[in-house]
Amino acid sequence: NFLTAEECDRVIAKSKPHMVPCLTKDSTTGVVGPDEWRTSTETSLPRAEAPSIVSKLVSLLDCTEEQLEILQVLRYEKGQEF
């Protein structure tokens, strides 16, 4: 119950058009790219796009906004894996 239904809807609406396949870094070659085993999608959500969520995080973590990382949104459809 950390986020309200409205906050969840807002995150989904702002993120959905920007979702891209998740990338991984090959531990042998160091090359970053798609991985057939990681089937989820992701995007980043700038803190300015979610001020109420940022405020909650700052309060929960007792930190400043500048100490937070950019918000990462992941989506897993039924059957998808990390």
Protein backbone atom coordinates (compact mmCIF):
# COMPACT_ATOMS: atom_id res chain seq x y z
CA ASN A 1 0.00 0.00 0.00
CA PHE A 2 2.95 2.32 -0.52
CA LEU A 3 1.52 3.81 -3.74
CA THR A 4 -2.06 4.86 -4.32
CA ALA A 5 -4.04 3.47 -7.24
CA GLU A 6 -3.75 6.89 -8.90
CA GLU A 7 0.06 6.89 -8.52
CA CYS A 8 0.26 3.41 -10.02
CA ASP A 9 -1.94 4.47 -12.93
CA ARG A 10 0.23 7.56 -13.49
CA VAL A 11 3.46 5.52 -13.48
CA ILE A 12 1.97 3.07 -15.97
CA ALA A 13 0.66 5.83 -18.25
CA LYS A 14 3.95 7.76 -18.24
CA SER A 15 6.10 4.63 -18.66
CA LYS A 16 4.16 2.51 -21.13
CA PRO A 17 5.14 4.41 -24.32
CA HIS A 18 8.84 4.22 -23.39
CA MET A 19 9.20 0.55 -22.45
CA VAL A 20 12.07 -1.26 -24.18
CA PRO A 21 13.52 -4.77 -23.82
CA CYS A 22 15.79 -5.16 -20.81
CA LEU A 23 19.49 -5.39 -21.58
CA THR A 24 22.21 -7.32 -19.81
CA LYS A 25 25.98 -7.15 -19.77
CA ASP A 26 27.78 -10.25 -20.97
CA SER A 27 30.16 -11.20 -18.17
CA THR A 28 32.71 -12.59 -20.63
CA THR A 29 32.77 -9.95 -23.35
CA GLY A 30 31.42 -6.94 -21.47
CA VAL A 31 29.01 -6.27 -24.34
CA VAL A 32 25.63 -4.83 -23.34
CA GLY A 33 22.68 -6.12 -25.33
CA PRO A 34 19.51 -8.17 -25.37
CA ASP A 35 19.47 -11.53 -23.63
CA GLU A 36 17.08 -14.25 -24.76
CA TRP A 37 16.56 -15.29 -21.14
CA ARG A 38 15.60 -11.85 -19.87
CA THR A 39 12.23 -11.19 -21.43
CA SER A 40 10.94 -8.24 -19.39
CA THR A 41 10.77 -4.62 -20.52
CA GLU A 42 11.93 -1.49 -18.72
CA THR A 43 12.17 2.27 -18.74
CA SER A 44 13.40 5.02 -16.46
CA LEU A 45 11.03 7.54 -14.94
CA PRO A 46 12.57 10.90 -14.07
CA ARG A 47 11.90 11.97 -10.51
CA ALA A 48 10.19 15.13 -11.80
CA GLU A 49 7.52 12.92 -13.40
CA ALA A 50 6.55 11.36 -10.05
CA PRO A 51 6.83 14.02 -7.33
CA SER A 52 4.41 12.35 -4.90
CA ILE A 53 6.35 9.08 -5.10
CA VAL A 54 9.66 10.87 -4.64
CA SER A 55 8.26 12.64 -1.58
CA LYS A 56 7.19 9.31 -0.08
CA LEU A 57 10.60 7.76 -0.76
CA VAL A 58 12.45 10.71 0.77
CA SER A 59 10.33 10.41 3.90
CA LEU A 60 10.60 6.62 4.13
CA LEU A 61 14.35 6.55 3.57
CA ASP A 62 15.16 9.74 5.48
CA CYS A 63 17.29 11.06 2.64
CA THR A 64 17.33 13.95 0.21
CA GLU A 65 15.86 13.79 -3.27
CA GLU A 66 19.35 14.12 -4.71
CA GLN A 67 20.36 10.88 -2.98
CA LEU A 68 17.69 8.89 -4.81
CA GLU A 69 18.46 7.09 -8.04
CA ILE A 70 16.27 7.61 -11.07
CA LEU A 71 13.12 5.52 -10.83
CA GLN A 72 13.29 2.31 -12.85
CA VAL A 73 10.06 0.72 -14.08
CA LEU A 74 10.04 -2.96 -15.03
CA ARG A 75 7.22 -4.86 -16.65
CA TYR A 76 6.77 -8.61 -16.64
CA GLU A 77 3.99 -10.09 -18.71
CA LYS A 78 2.66 -13.53 -17.82
CA GLY A 79 5.44 -16.04 -18.46
CA GLN A 80 8.24 -13.48 -18.71
CA GLU A 81 11.36 -13.85 -16.58
CA PHE A 82 14.22 -11.76 -15.21
